[in-house]
Amino acid sequence: MAVPKKRTSISKKRIRKNIWKRKGSSAALKAFSLAKSLSTGHSKSFFVRQTSNKTLE
């Protein structure tokens, strides 16, 4: 017969939640850094084709 598991302590739950948040924060920081380097043209890992912004007059 199924028996309920013991309750996880609040401190252990908080530790796991903070680890999860830290992983997301570092991924967001890395993505922002990559976007910044792409916008300035200093990226070494991506090659972006430059398009000319000519307007028809």
N, C-alpha and C. Protein backbone atom coordinates (compact mmCIF):
# COMPACT_ATOMS: atom_id res chain seq x y z
N MET A 1 0.83 -1.19 0.00
CA MET A 1 0.00 0.00 0.00
C MET A 1 0.88 1.25 0.00
N ALA A 2 0.44 2.28 -0.73
CA ALA A 2 1.23 3.50 -0.84
C ALA A 2 1.24 4.28 0.46
N VAL A 3 2.43 4.75 0.82
CA VAL A 3 2.59 5.52 2.06
C VAL A 3 3.09 6.90 1.68
N PRO A 4 2.52 7.97 2.24
CA PRO A 4 3.00 9.32 1.93
C PRO A 4 4.45 9.51 2.36
N LYS A 5 5.18 10.25 1.57
CA LYS A 5 6.58 10.53 1.90
C LYS A 5 6.65 11.58 3.00
N LYS A 6 7.82 11.65 3.64
CA LYS A 6 8.01 12.66 4.68
C LYS A 6 8.07 14.04 4.04
N ARG A 7 7.68 15.02 4.80
CA ARG A 7 7.66 16.39 4.32
C ARG A 7 9.09 16.93 4.21
N THR A 8 9.38 17.66 3.10
CA THR A 8 10.69 18.28 2.92
C THR A 8 10.78 19.52 3.80
N SER A 9 11.90 19.69 4.47
CA SER A 9 12.06 20.84 5.37
C SER A 9 12.06 22.14 4.57
N ILE A 10 11.70 23.21 5.23
CA ILE A 10 11.62 24.52 4.58
C ILE A 10 13.00 24.96 4.10
N SER A 11 14.04 24.70 4.91
CA SER A 11 15.39 25.13 4.52
C SER A 11 15.87 24.38 3.27
N LYS A 12 15.58 23.08 3.19
CA LYS A 12 15.99 22.30 2.02
C LYS A 12 15.22 22.78 0.78
N LYS A 13 13.95 23.10 0.96
CA LYS A 13 13.14 23.60 -0.15
C LYS A 13 13.67 24.94 -0.63
N ARG A 14 14.07 25.80 0.31
CA ARG A 14 14.60 27.12 -0.04
C ARG A 14 15.94 27.01 -0.78
N ILE A 15 16.78 26.07 -0.34
CA ILE A 15 18.07 25.85 -1.01
C ILE A 15 17.86 25.43 -2.45
N ARG A 16 16.96 24.47 -2.67
CA ARG A 16 16.70 23.99 -4.03
C ARG A 16 16.11 25.09 -4.91
N LYS A 17 15.23 25.90 -4.33
CA LYS A 17 14.62 27.00 -5.08
C LYS A 17 15.66 28.03 -5.49
N ASN A 18 16.60 28.33 -4.58
CA ASN A 18 17.65 29.30 -4.88
C ASN A 18 18.60 28.79 -5.96
N ILE A 19 18.91 27.49 -5.93
CA ILE A 19 19.75 26.90 -6.98
C ILE A 19 19.06 27.03 -8.33
N TRP A 20 17.75 26.74 -8.35
CA TRP A 20 16.97 26.83 -9.58
C TRP A 20 16.95 28.26 -10.11
N LYS A 21 16.79 29.23 -9.20
CA LYS A 21 16.78 30.64 -9.61
C LYS A 21 18.15 31.07 -10.14
N ARG A 22 19.23 30.61 -9.48
CA ARG A 22 20.58 30.98 -9.89
C ARG A 22 20.89 30.46 -11.29
N LYS A 23 20.43 29.24 -11.61
CA LYS A 23 20.65 28.69 -12.94
C LYS A 23 19.96 29.54 -14.00
N GLY A 24 18.73 29.96 -13.73
CA GLY A 24 18.00 30.80 -14.66
C GLY A 24 18.64 32.16 -14.82
N SER A 25 19.13 32.70 -13.71
CA SER A 25 19.76 34.01 -13.75
C SER A 25 21.04 33.99 -14.58
N SER A 26 21.84 32.93 -14.41
CA SER A 26 23.09 32.86 -15.18
C SER A 26 22.81 32.63 -16.66
N ALA A 27 21.76 31.87 -16.99
CA ALA A 27 21.40 31.66 -18.40
C ALA A 27 20.94 32.97 -19.03
N ALA A 28 20.17 33.76 -18.28
CA ALA A 28 19.70 35.05 -18.78
C ALA A 28 20.86 36.01 -18.98
N LEU A 29 21.80 36.00 -18.06
CA LEU A 29 22.97 36.88 -18.17
C LEU A 29 23.81 36.52 -19.39
N LYS A 30 23.97 35.21 -19.64
CA LYS A 30 24.74 34.76 -20.79
C LYS A 30 24.05 35.14 -22.10
N ALA A 31 22.71 35.00 -22.14
CA ALA A 31 21.96 35.36 -23.34
C ALA A 31 22.04 36.86 -23.59
N PHE A 32 21.96 37.66 -22.53
CA PHE A 32 22.04 39.11 -22.68
C PHE A 32 23.41 39.53 -23.19
N SER A 33 24.45 38.88 -22.67
CA SER A 33 25.81 39.18 -23.09
C SER A 33 26.01 38.86 -24.57
N LEU A 34 25.47 37.72 -25.00
CA LEU A 34 25.57 37.33 -26.40
C LEU A 34 24.82 38.31 -27.30
N ALA A 35 23.63 38.73 -26.87
CA ALA A 35 22.85 39.69 -27.65
C ALA A 35 23.58 41.02 -27.75
N LYS A 36 24.23 41.43 -26.66
CA LYS A 36 24.96 42.68 -26.67
C LYS A 36 26.15 42.61 -27.63
N SER A 37 26.85 41.48 -27.64
CA SER A 37 28.00 41.35 -28.53
C SER A 37 27.56 41.27 -29.99
N LEU A 38 26.40 40.66 -30.24
CA LEU A 38 25.88 40.61 -31.61
C LEU A 38 25.48 41.99 -32.10
N SER A 39 24.86 42.77 -31.21
CA SER A 39 24.40 44.10 -31.63
C SER A 39 25.56 45.05 -31.89
N THR A 40 26.66 44.88 -31.18
CA THR A 40 27.81 45.76 -31.38
C THR A 40 28.72 45.26 -32.49
N GLY A 41 28.57 43.99 -32.86
CA GLY A 41 29.40 43.43 -33.93
C GLY A 41 30.71 42.84 -33.44
N HIS A 42 30.86 42.63 -32.13
CA HIS A 42 32.10 42.09 -31.58
C HIS A 42 32.01 40.59 -31.31
N SER A 43 30.99 39.93 -31.83
CA SER A 43 30.81 38.51 -31.57
C SER A 43 31.83 37.68 -32.33
N LYS A 44 32.40 36.68 -31.66
CA LYS A 44 33.37 35.80 -32.30
C LYS A 44 32.79 34.42 -32.59
N SER A 45 31.61 34.13 -32.02
CA SER A 45 31.03 32.81 -32.19
C SER A 45 29.88 32.80 -33.21
N PHE A 46 29.38 33.97 -33.61
CA PHE A 46 28.29 34.05 -34.57
C PHE A 46 28.70 34.95 -35.72
N PHE A 47 28.25 34.57 -36.90
CA PHE A 47 28.49 35.41 -38.07
C PHE A 47 27.14 35.93 -38.55
N VAL A 48 26.94 37.22 -38.47
CA VAL A 48 25.68 37.83 -38.85
C VAL A 48 25.86 38.54 -40.17
N ARG A 49 24.98 38.24 -41.11
CA ARG A 49 25.05 38.88 -42.41
C ARG A 49 24.54 40.31 -42.29
N GLN A 50 25.33 41.26 -42.71
CA GLN A 50 24.95 42.66 -42.63
C GLN A 50 24.05 42.99 -43.83
N THR A 51 22.91 43.60 -43.54
CA THR A 51 21.98 44.01 -44.60
C THR A 51 22.04 45.52 -44.73
N SER A 52 21.94 45.99 -45.94
CA SER A 52 21.95 47.44 -46.15
C SER A 52 20.55 47.98 -45.94
N ASN A 53 20.47 49.12 -45.31
CA ASN A 53 19.18 49.74 -45.01
C ASN A 53 18.89 50.86 -46.01
N LYS A 54 18.82 50.50 -47.27
CA LYS A 54 18.55 51.51 -48.30
C LYS A 54 17.03 51.68 -48.41
N THR A 55 16.60 52.92 -48.43
CA THR A 55 15.17 53.20 -48.60
C THR A 55 14.94 53.66 -50.01
N LEU A 56 13.82 53.22 -50.56
CA LEU A 56 13.46 53.63 -51.92
C LEU A 56 12.83 55.01 -51.86
N GLU A 57 13.39 55.93 -52.63
CA GLU A 57 12.87 57.31 -52.64
C GLU A 57 12.38 57.66 -54.02
